[in-house]
């Protein structure tokens, strides 16, 4: 597997991004959209996992306009991540994600379709992006912004897989129910739920990690991507 740093052209300059190539050098493309901690160790690990499956993975640094690549792991990480997310210009972030998707689609290493995989902050960003740019597939892990974006649900017509913990303290009550109901109205959308799992249950570097839910969600993700974006 090969990992490198690259740059995506945007109207406002060059967006730093990280590219993982599968062993064969080519494959379907996946745009990986970060959690609130940026291109964290966890995001890099999941990018490698996806490349190991045969995908060309591009992970843009969505915090680049703030001069930040990632938040270092530690007790301060949550506060720093939340503060950074609060400073993000959402429309600019959607535009940057769209530029990264266009870059991925045009890469010679991508020999089939392109999908989007997003975690937390990136799950909501991916949902918004899917409404505008029509990727071939979307996987959103506990997309924290999705309850506020459900008006876009009719525009998200690509096959979609959502993961949501039923003990998610960040997506709870009416927001959780709305998130469960609205995407399910789309025939190509699946919502997988996990009893006892809180927000960010897939991240082993956080105390919210739920090993059973993480394993089950990953199995669903791998099977979904194999169906929608099969690798050679």
Protein backbone atom coordinates (compact mmCIF):
# COMPACT_ATOMS: atom_id res chain seq x y z
CA UNK A 1 0.00 0.00 0.00
CA UNK A 2 1.20 3.54 -0.79
CA UNK A 3 0.36 6.67 1.16
CA UNK A 4 1.29 10.16 0.04
CA UNK A 5 0.41 13.81 0.59
CA UNK A 6 -1.21 15.66 -2.28
CA UNK A 7 -3.06 18.91 -2.93
CA UNK A 8 -6.52 19.63 -4.28
CA UNK A 9 -7.13 22.81 -6.24
CA UNK A 10 -9.94 24.97 -4.84
CA UNK A 11 -11.03 28.51 -5.73
CA UNK A 12 -9.20 29.69 -2.59
CA UNK A 13 -5.95 27.78 -2.90
CA UNK A 14 -4.49 24.33 -2.46
CA UNK A 15 -6.24 22.02 -0.03
CA UNK A 16 -3.84 19.50 1.56
CA UNK A 17 -5.02 15.90 1.35
CA UNK A 18 -3.74 12.40 2.00
CA UNK A 19 -3.90 9.66 -0.61
CA UNK A 20 -3.80 5.92 0.00
CA UNK A 21 -3.42 3.57 -2.95
CA UNK A 22 -4.33 -0.12 -2.82
CA UNK A 23 -1.78 -2.83 -3.52
CA UNK A 24 -2.78 -3.02 -7.17
CA UNK A 25 -2.42 0.76 -7.59
CA UNK A 26 -5.92 1.30 -8.94
CA UNK A 27 -9.49 0.78 -7.82
CA UNK A 28 -12.77 2.53 -7.07
CA UNK A 29 -12.38 5.83 -5.23
CA UNK A 30 -13.47 6.71 -1.71
CA UNK A 31 -13.46 10.24 -0.32
CA UNK A 32 -12.87 9.91 3.42
CA UNK A 33 -14.23 12.83 5.45
CA UNK A 34 -12.74 13.39 8.87
CA UNK A 35 -14.20 13.43 12.36
CA UNK A 36 -13.85 16.56 14.51
CA UNK A 37 -10.25 15.69 15.34
CA UNK A 38 -9.06 16.15 11.75
CA UNK A 39 -6.84 13.59 10.04
CA UNK A 40 -6.37 11.75 13.30
CA UNK A 41 -4.61 8.48 13.92
CA UNK A 42 -8.01 6.80 13.78
CA UNK A 43 -8.94 8.39 10.42
CA UNK A 44 -5.57 7.32 9.01
CA UNK A 45 -6.17 3.79 10.27
CA UNK A 46 -9.60 3.59 8.63
CA UNK A 47 -8.15 5.00 5.40
CA UNK A 48 -5.58 2.22 5.43
CA UNK A 49 -8.30 -0.36 6.13
CA UNK A 50 -10.20 0.85 3.06
CA UNK A 51 -7.08 0.83 0.89
CA UNK A 52 -6.44 -2.74 2.06
CA UNK A 53 -9.85 -3.60 0.63
CA UNK A 54 -8.76 -2.30 -2.78
CA UNK A 55 -9.95 1.33 -2.75
CA UNK A 56 -8.16 4.53 -3.71
CA UNK A 57 -8.73 6.70 -0.63
CA UNK A 58 -8.45 10.49 -0.49
CA UNK A 59 -8.75 12.25 2.89
CA UNK A 60 -8.73 16.06 2.62
CA UNK A 61 -7.72 18.26 5.54
CA UNK A 62 -11.04 20.04 6.05
CA UNK A 63 -9.52 22.26 8.77
CA UNK A 64 -6.92 23.63 6.35
CA UNK A 65 -8.50 27.09 6.36
CA UNK A 66 -7.91 27.14 10.13
CA UNK A 67 -4.29 26.08 9.72
CA UNK A 68 -4.86 22.73 11.44
CA UNK A 69 -4.34 19.20 10.16
CA UNK A 70 -5.26 17.21 13.27
CA UNK A 71 -5.86 17.42 17.00
CA UNK A 72 -3.37 15.46 19.05
CA UNK A 73 -4.78 12.62 21.13
CA UNK A 74 -5.13 13.33 24.84
CA UNK A 75 -7.53 14.70 27.48
CA UNK A 76 -7.75 18.05 25.68
CA UNK A 77 -8.70 16.54 22.32
CA UNK A 78 -12.49 16.74 22.72
CA UNK A 79 -12.48 20.41 23.71
CA UNK A 80 -10.08 21.30 20.90
CA UNK A 81 -12.03 19.32 18.34
CA UNK A 82 -15.35 20.88 19.31
CA UNK A 83 -13.80 24.36 19.24
CA UNK A 84 -12.39 23.78 15.75
CA UNK A 85 -15.68 22.42 14.47
CA UNK A 86 -17.41 25.53 15.80
CA UNK A 87 -15.08 27.73 13.75
CA UNK A 88 -15.59 25.91 10.46
CA UNK A 89 -17.33 27.77 7.66
CA UNK A 90 -19.78 25.00 6.73
CA UNK A 91 -20.45 26.17 3.17
CA UNK A 92 -16.72 26.48 2.52
CA UNK A 93 -16.19 22.98 3.93
CA UNK A 94 -18.87 21.57 1.62
CA UNK A 95 -17.19 23.32 -1.30
CA UNK A 96 -13.81 21.93 -0.30
CA UNK A 97 -15.26 18.43 -0.05
CA UNK A 98 -16.77 18.86 -3.51
CA UNK A 99 -13.38 19.94 -4.89
CA UNK A 100 -11.78 16.88 -3.31
CA UNK A 101 -14.43 14.58 -4.80
CA UNK A 102 -13.87 16.09 -8.23
CA UNK A 103 -10.13 15.61 -7.81
CA UNK A 104 -10.64 11.97 -6.81
CA UNK A 105 -12.93 11.33 -9.76
CA UNK A 106 -10.28 12.66 -12.11
CA UNK A 107 -7.35 10.67 -10.74
CA UNK A 108 -5.87 8.08 -13.12
CA UNK A 109 -5.70 5.56 -10.26
CA UNK A 110 -9.51 5.56 -9.96
CA UNK A 111 -10.77 3.04 -12.48
CA UNK A 112 -14.41 2.75 -11.39
CA UNK A 113 -16.97 4.73 -9.39
CA UNK A 114 -16.44 7.00 -6.40
CA UNK A 115 -18.07 6.98 -2.99
CA UNK A 116 -17.97 8.99 0.23
CA UNK A 117 -17.28 7.71 3.75
CA UNK A 118 -17.63 10.15 6.65
CA UNK A 119 -17.31 9.95 10.42
CA UNK A 120 -19.11 12.27 12.89
CA UNK A 121 -18.52 15.78 11.47
CA UNK A 122 -17.57 14.10 8.20
CA UNK A 123 -20.76 12.05 8.18
CA UNK A 124 -22.88 15.20 8.05
CA UNK A 125 -20.52 16.79 5.55
CA UNK A 126 -20.75 13.69 3.38
CA UNK A 127 -24.54 13.74 3.53
CA UNK A 128 -24.61 17.38 2.34
CA UNK A 129 -22.05 16.60 -0.36
CA UNK A 130 -24.09 13.61 -1.56
CA UNK A 131 -27.13 15.86 -2.00
CA UNK A 132 -25.15 18.12 -4.33
CA UNK A 133 -22.64 15.93 -6.16
CA UNK A 134 -24.30 12.49 -6.42
CA UNK A 135 -21.49 10.09 -5.54
CA UNK A 136 -22.01 6.42 -6.28
CA UNK A 137 -22.37 5.52 -2.59
CA UNK A 138 -22.40 7.14 0.86
CA UNK A 139 -21.45 5.67 4.24
CA UNK A 140 -22.11 8.00 7.19
CA UNK A 141 -21.10 7.08 10.71
CA UNK A 142 -23.23 9.01 13.25
CA UNK A 143 -23.35 12.15 11.14
CA UNK A 144 -23.80 14.81 13.81
CA UNK A 145 -25.08 17.51 11.44
CA UNK A 146 -27.57 15.29 9.60
CA UNK A 147 -30.58 16.14 11.83
CA UNK A 148 -30.19 19.77 10.70
CA UNK A 149 -29.78 18.75 7.05
CA UNK A 150 -32.77 16.47 6.61
CA UNK A 151 -34.38 18.90 4.19
CA UNK A 152 -31.73 17.66 1.75
CA UNK A 153 -32.73 14.01 2.17
CA UNK A 154 -34.79 13.84 -1.06
CA UNK A 155 -31.66 14.94 -2.98
CA UNK A 156 -29.50 12.15 -1.55
CA UNK A 157 -30.44 9.53 -4.10
CA UNK A 158 -27.28 7.42 -4.11
CA UNK A 159 -27.23 4.14 -2.17
CA UNK A 160 -26.53 5.15 1.42
CA UNK A 161 -25.63 3.40 4.66
CA UNK A 162 -26.01 5.20 8.00
CA UNK A 163 -24.66 3.96 11.34
CA UNK A 164 -26.22 5.28 14.55
CA UNK A 165 -25.75 4.26 18.18
CA UNK A 166 -28.97 4.12 20.16
CA UNK A 167 -27.19 5.60 23.19
CA UNK A 168 -25.76 8.51 21.19
CA UNK A 169 -25.71 11.50 23.55
CA UNK A 170 -24.96 13.91 20.69
CA UNK A 171 -27.84 12.72 18.50
CA UNK A 172 -30.68 12.03 20.90
CA UNK A 173 -34.43 12.37 21.29
CA UNK A 174 -36.32 13.97 18.44
CA UNK A 175 -33.12 14.49 16.43
CA UNK A 176 -32.34 10.78 16.55
CA UNK A 177 -35.87 9.80 15.59
CA UNK A 178 -35.87 12.25 12.70
CA UNK A 179 -32.55 10.89 11.55
CA UNK A 180 -33.94 7.37 11.68
CA UNK A 181 -37.12 8.25 9.81
CA UNK A 182 -36.09 10.65 7.05
CA UNK A 183 -33.25 8.72 5.37
CA UNK A 184 -35.31 5.54 5.51
CA UNK A 185 -37.87 7.23 3.25
CA UNK A 186 -35.32 6.85 0.43
CA UNK A 187 -35.48 3.35 -1.08
CA UNK A 188 -31.70 3.11 -1.52
CA UNK A 189 -30.94 4.04 2.10
CA UNK A 190 -30.15 1.73 5.01
CA UNK A 191 -29.92 2.78 8.65
CA UNK A 192 -28.11 0.38 10.97
CA UNK A 193 -28.54 0.95 14.71
CA UNK A 194 -26.49 -0.33 17.64
CA UNK A 195 -27.84 -0.90 21.14
CA UNK A 196 -25.73 0.61 23.90
CA UNK A 197 -23.43 2.46 21.50
CA UNK A 198 -22.73 6.16 22.07
CA UNK A 199 -21.40 8.73 19.62
CA UNK A 200 -18.00 7.99 18.04
CA UNK A 201 -18.34 4.31 18.92
CA UNK A 202 -16.01 3.31 16.07
CA UNK A 203 -12.99 5.26 17.36
CA UNK A 204 -10.78 3.06 19.59
CA UNK A 205 -8.83 6.12 20.80
CA UNK A 206 -11.89 7.51 22.62
CA UNK A 207 -13.60 6.34 25.82
CA UNK A 208 -16.88 6.12 23.85
CA UNK A 209 -15.51 3.22 21.80
CA UNK A 210 -17.92 0.27 21.66
CA UNK A 211 -16.04 -2.73 20.32
CA UNK A 212 -19.07 -4.83 19.43
CA UNK A 213 -20.83 -2.00 17.60
CA UNK A 214 -17.61 -1.01 15.85
CA UNK A 215 -17.05 -4.54 14.57
CA UNK A 216 -20.64 -4.96 13.41
CA UNK A 217 -20.69 -1.56 11.68
CA UNK A 218 -17.45 -2.31 9.87
CA UNK A 219 -18.82 -5.60 8.59
CA UNK A 220 -21.89 -3.76 7.28
CA UNK A 221 -19.64 -1.12 5.69
CA UNK A 222 -17.40 -3.63 3.95
CA UNK A 223 -20.38 -5.57 2.58
CA UNK A 224 -22.15 -2.41 1.44
CA UNK A 225 -19.10 -1.07 -0.37
CA UNK A 226 -18.45 -4.46 -1.98
CA UNK A 227 -21.99 -4.36 -3.35
CA UNK A 228 -22.02 -0.74 -4.49
CA UNK A 229 -18.35 -0.26 -5.45
CA UNK A 230 -16.87 -3.70 -6.03
CA UNK A 231 -13.11 -3.94 -6.25
CA UNK A 232 -11.22 -6.16 -8.68
